[in-house]
Amino acid sequence: MTVKATKARVEAILTRLRALNPEPRCELYYETPYQLLISVVMSAQATDKSVNAAMVELYKAGLNVDSVLAMGEAGFLDKIRRIGLAPTKARNVLKLSAILKQKFNSEIPRSREDLESLPGVGRKTANVILGEIYREPTIAVDTHVFRVGARLGLHREGTPEKAEQKLLAVIDPTWLPMAHHWFILHGRYTCLARAPKCDLCCLVDLCSSKENFVSGTK
């Protein structure tokens, strides 16, 4: 399929997803950019639901750089023990909080380079912050975005980084960062990893993988 044809399919896909959910939202609860950064760091190998369960009351109480630093690593770890890889995440959150205070006046940096210099922050996390907070035309390729993009035939890459570049090449920037949310939500609730709900999918006629799932070969 040519790039032009793929772009046309993407337009049709995103138009349908927008019709079903005109204003998609991040499912991580947060009240400040700092809180979102913390939650995205902690969501690695954990569900949004588990992160929200651990953090919502702390966020409502105004958790910020200073309050995290006041807790210390042990104190913060005690608050997030229910989250996977909690010790490593607590360590990273304390380190990045100290850097934010010392180097960025407790503000969340806007450049990718500065974001990725923070402990626990990789390209995917940086893309989430740049898109969600600063509304830049990014797409964060997590497991859902990677899977949905591949099943729809929008990429055939083996890594999230390469898949991101393929997706950015066929998604018009005017759809970003909203497309990020639509693909995540579609993967989370419809295009499931093991048992996709093809019978409920609004994109079934545009999906290059549907016959495999119906016949049970994939």
Protein backbone atom coordinates (compact mmCIF):
# COMPACT_ATOMS: atom_id res chain seq x y z
CA MET A 1 0.00 0.00 0.00
CA THR A 2 1.35 3.43 -0.92
CA VAL A 3 1.97 6.11 1.69
CA LYS A 4 -0.89 8.12 0.18
CA ALA A 5 -3.28 5.18 0.51
CA THR A 6 -2.11 4.50 4.08
CA LYS A 7 -2.67 8.14 5.02
CA ALA A 8 -6.21 7.90 3.61
CA ARG A 9 -6.87 4.81 5.75
CA VAL A 10 -5.50 6.60 8.80
CA GLU A 11 -7.88 9.50 8.17
CA ALA A 12 -10.81 7.05 8.02
CA ILE A 13 -9.63 5.25 11.17
CA LEU A 14 -9.20 8.40 13.22
CA THR A 15 -12.45 9.91 11.99
CA ARG A 16 -14.34 6.88 13.30
CA LEU A 17 -12.50 6.86 16.62
CA ARG A 18 -13.19 10.58 17.05
CA ALA A 19 -16.89 10.05 16.36
CA LEU A 20 -17.05 7.52 19.20
CA ASN A 21 -14.97 9.58 21.62
CA PRO A 22 -14.60 13.24 20.61
CA GLU A 23 -12.57 14.21 23.67
CA PRO A 24 -10.37 11.29 24.75
CA ARG A 25 -8.54 11.77 28.02
CA CYS A 26 -5.54 10.32 29.75
CA GLU A 27 -6.76 7.72 32.24
CA LEU A 28 -4.03 8.53 34.74
CA TYR A 29 -5.44 10.83 37.42
CA TYR A 30 -3.47 14.02 37.98
CA GLU A 31 -4.01 17.63 38.94
CA THR A 32 -0.64 19.14 38.01
CA PRO A 33 2.01 18.49 35.34
CA TYR A 34 4.37 17.23 38.05
CA GLN A 35 1.80 14.71 39.23
CA LEU A 36 1.32 13.46 35.67
CA LEU A 37 5.06 13.02 35.26
CA ILE A 38 5.21 10.98 38.47
CA SER A 39 2.29 8.80 37.42
CA VAL A 40 3.69 8.13 33.95
CA VAL A 41 7.03 7.11 35.47
CA MET A 42 5.22 4.77 37.86
CA SER A 43 2.96 3.30 35.18
CA ALA A 44 5.84 1.39 33.59
CA GLN A 45 4.96 -2.32 33.91
CA ALA A 46 1.91 -1.35 35.96
CA THR A 47 -1.68 -0.47 35.14
CA ASP A 48 -3.12 3.03 35.24
CA LYS A 49 -5.70 1.67 37.68
CA SER A 50 -3.06 0.57 40.19
CA VAL A 51 -1.19 3.87 39.92
CA ASN A 52 -4.39 5.86 40.42
CA ALA A 53 -5.35 3.75 43.43
CA ALA A 54 -2.02 4.51 45.08
CA MET A 55 -1.79 8.19 44.17
CA VAL A 56 -5.22 9.81 43.94
CA GLU A 57 -5.48 10.83 47.59
CA LEU A 58 -1.91 12.11 47.64
CA TYR A 59 -2.58 14.17 44.55
CA LYS A 60 -5.79 15.59 45.96
CA ALA A 61 -3.79 16.60 49.03
CA GLY A 62 -1.43 18.58 46.78
CA LEU A 63 1.59 16.32 46.31
CA ASN A 64 4.44 18.34 44.79
CA VAL A 65 8.21 18.40 44.46
CA ASP A 66 8.74 19.70 47.98
CA SER A 67 6.40 17.24 49.68
CA VAL A 68 8.02 14.29 47.90
CA LEU A 69 11.49 15.47 48.89
CA ALA A 70 10.27 15.92 52.47
CA MET A 71 9.03 12.31 52.54
CA GLY A 72 12.38 10.96 51.39
CA GLU A 73 12.82 7.77 49.43
CA ALA A 74 11.64 5.48 52.24
CA GLY A 75 8.59 7.59 52.97
CA PHE A 76 7.56 7.78 49.33
CA LEU A 77 8.18 4.07 48.84
CA ASP A 78 5.80 3.36 51.68
CA LYS A 79 3.07 5.18 49.75
CA ILE A 80 3.54 3.27 46.49
CA ARG A 81 4.34 -0.29 47.62
CA ARG A 82 1.29 -1.68 45.81
CA ILE A 83 2.77 -0.61 42.46
CA GLY A 84 5.13 -2.95 40.59
CA LEU A 85 8.86 -2.21 40.84
CA ALA A 86 8.10 0.24 43.64
CA PRO A 87 11.65 0.47 45.09
CA THR A 88 13.20 1.46 41.76
CA LYS A 89 10.38 3.86 40.99
CA ALA A 90 10.62 5.52 44.41
CA ARG A 91 14.33 6.02 43.88
CA ASN A 92 13.78 7.56 40.45
CA VAL A 93 10.99 9.84 41.65
CA LEU A 94 13.16 11.20 44.46
CA LYS A 95 16.08 11.76 42.11
CA LEU A 96 14.04 13.44 39.40
CA SER A 97 12.27 15.61 41.99
CA ALA A 98 15.61 16.84 43.30
CA ILE A 99 16.73 17.66 39.76
CA LEU A 100 13.50 19.48 38.98
CA LYS A 101 13.94 21.64 42.07
CA GLN A 102 17.63 22.34 41.56
CA LYS A 103 17.74 22.75 37.79
CA PHE A 104 14.23 23.62 36.61
CA ASN A 105 12.73 25.65 39.46
CA SER A 106 10.34 22.74 40.20
CA GLU A 107 8.76 23.11 36.74
CA ILE A 108 8.39 20.38 34.14
CA PRO A 109 10.81 21.06 31.26
CA ARG A 110 9.41 21.45 27.79
CA SER A 111 12.27 20.03 25.74
CA ARG A 112 12.64 16.33 25.00
CA GLU A 113 16.32 16.47 25.88
CA ASP A 114 15.64 17.89 29.33
CA LEU A 115 12.79 15.46 30.00
CA GLU A 116 14.86 12.44 29.00
CA SER A 117 17.68 13.60 31.26
CA LEU A 118 15.46 12.87 34.27
CA PRO A 119 15.80 9.47 36.02
CA GLY A 120 13.11 7.03 34.93
CA VAL A 121 12.05 9.16 31.95
CA GLY A 122 12.51 7.61 28.52
CA ARG A 123 11.20 8.54 25.11
CA LYS A 124 7.68 7.20 25.72
CA THR A 125 7.27 9.14 28.98
CA ALA A 126 8.67 12.28 27.37
CA ASN A 127 6.17 11.92 24.51
CA VAL A 128 3.28 11.63 26.97
CA ILE A 129 4.33 14.82 28.77
CA LEU A 130 4.98 16.75 25.56
CA GLY A 131 1.60 15.75 24.18
CA GLU A 132 -0.58 15.86 27.29
CA ILE A 133 0.86 18.96 28.96
CA TYR A 134 2.28 20.95 26.06
CA ARG A 135 -0.04 19.66 23.30
CA GLU A 136 2.82 18.91 20.96
CA PRO A 137 2.11 16.56 18.00
CA THR A 138 3.56 13.44 19.57
CA ILE A 139 2.54 9.81 19.83
CA ALA A 140 3.78 7.70 22.73
CA VAL A 141 4.08 4.11 21.57
CA ASP A 142 3.15 1.88 24.48
CA THR A 143 2.07 -1.75 24.16
CA HIS A 144 -1.47 -0.74 23.10
CA VAL A 145 -0.42 1.76 20.44
CA PHE A 146 2.19 -0.67 19.12
CA ARG A 147 -0.34 -3.52 18.87
CA VAL A 148 -3.18 -1.48 17.34
CA GLY A 149 -0.89 0.15 14.81
CA ALA A 150 0.49 -3.21 13.72
CA ARG A 151 -2.90 -4.89 13.46
CA LEU A 152 -4.24 -2.03 11.37
CA GLY A 153 -1.28 -2.40 9.05
CA LEU A 154 0.20 1.01 9.85
CA HIS A 155 3.61 -0.37 10.75
CA ARG A 156 5.56 -3.62 10.69
CA GLU A 157 8.34 -2.58 13.00
CA GLY A 158 9.95 -4.52 15.82
CA THR A 159 10.54 -1.68 18.27
CA PRO A 160 8.40 1.14 19.68
CA GLU A 161 10.90 3.75 18.47
CA LYS A 162 10.71 2.59 14.85
CA ALA A 163 6.94 2.17 15.07
CA GLU A 164 6.67 5.75 16.32
CA GLN A 165 8.47 7.06 13.26
CA LYS A 166 6.26 5.04 10.92
CA LEU A 167 3.11 6.29 12.63
CA LEU A 168 4.26 9.90 12.58
CA ALA A 169 4.89 9.53 8.84
CA VAL A 170 1.26 8.60 8.11
CA ILE A 171 -0.68 10.53 10.76
CA ASP A 172 -1.34 14.16 9.92
CA PRO A 173 -0.05 16.37 12.79
CA THR A 174 -3.53 17.89 13.16
CA TRP A 175 -4.65 14.55 14.65
CA LEU A 176 -1.93 14.64 17.29
CA PRO A 177 -1.69 14.21 20.22
CA MET A 178 -5.35 13.03 20.25
CA ALA A 179 -4.55 9.97 18.11
CA HIS A 180 -2.31 8.78 20.92
CA HIS A 181 -5.31 8.54 23.26
CA TRP A 182 -7.59 6.93 20.67
CA PHE A 183 -5.12 4.15 19.92
CA ILE A 184 -4.43 3.50 23.60
CA LEU A 185 -8.11 3.33 24.50
CA HIS A 186 -8.91 1.17 21.48
CA GLY A 187 -6.18 -1.25 22.47
CA ARG A 188 -7.16 -1.24 26.13
CA TYR A 189 -10.88 -1.91 25.67
CA THR A 190 -11.48 -3.35 22.19
CA CYS A 191 -8.33 -4.51 20.39
CA LEU A 192 -7.18 -6.67 23.29
CA ALA A 193 -3.92 -8.58 23.10
CA ARG A 194 -5.27 -12.13 23.43
CA ALA A 195 -8.95 -11.88 22.56
CA PRO A 196 -9.69 -8.78 20.49
CA LYS A 197 -13.37 -7.86 20.35
CA CYS A 198 -13.58 -7.81 16.57
CA ASP A 199 -17.36 -8.17 16.66
CA LEU A 200 -17.59 -4.84 18.52
CA CYS A 201 -14.86 -3.01 16.64
CA CYS A 202 -15.73 0.07 14.61
CA LEU A 203 -12.60 -0.48 12.52
CA VAL A 204 -13.12 -4.12 11.57
CA ASP A 205 -13.49 -3.41 7.84
CA LEU A 206 -10.25 -1.41 7.90
CA CYS A 207 -8.25 -3.98 9.86
CA SER A 208 -5.62 -6.08 8.09
CA SER A 209 -5.63 -8.67 10.91
CA LYS A 210 -9.33 -9.41 11.31
CA GLU A 211 -9.35 -12.59 9.22
CA ASN A 212 -6.56 -14.09 11.32
CA PHE A 213 -8.48 -13.56 14.52
CA VAL A 214 -11.75 -14.83 13.11
CA SER A 215 -10.08 -18.01 11.86
CA GLY A 216 -8.06 -18.41 15.03
CA THR A 217 -4.65 -18.35 13.35
CA LYS A 218 -3.28 -15.37 15.25
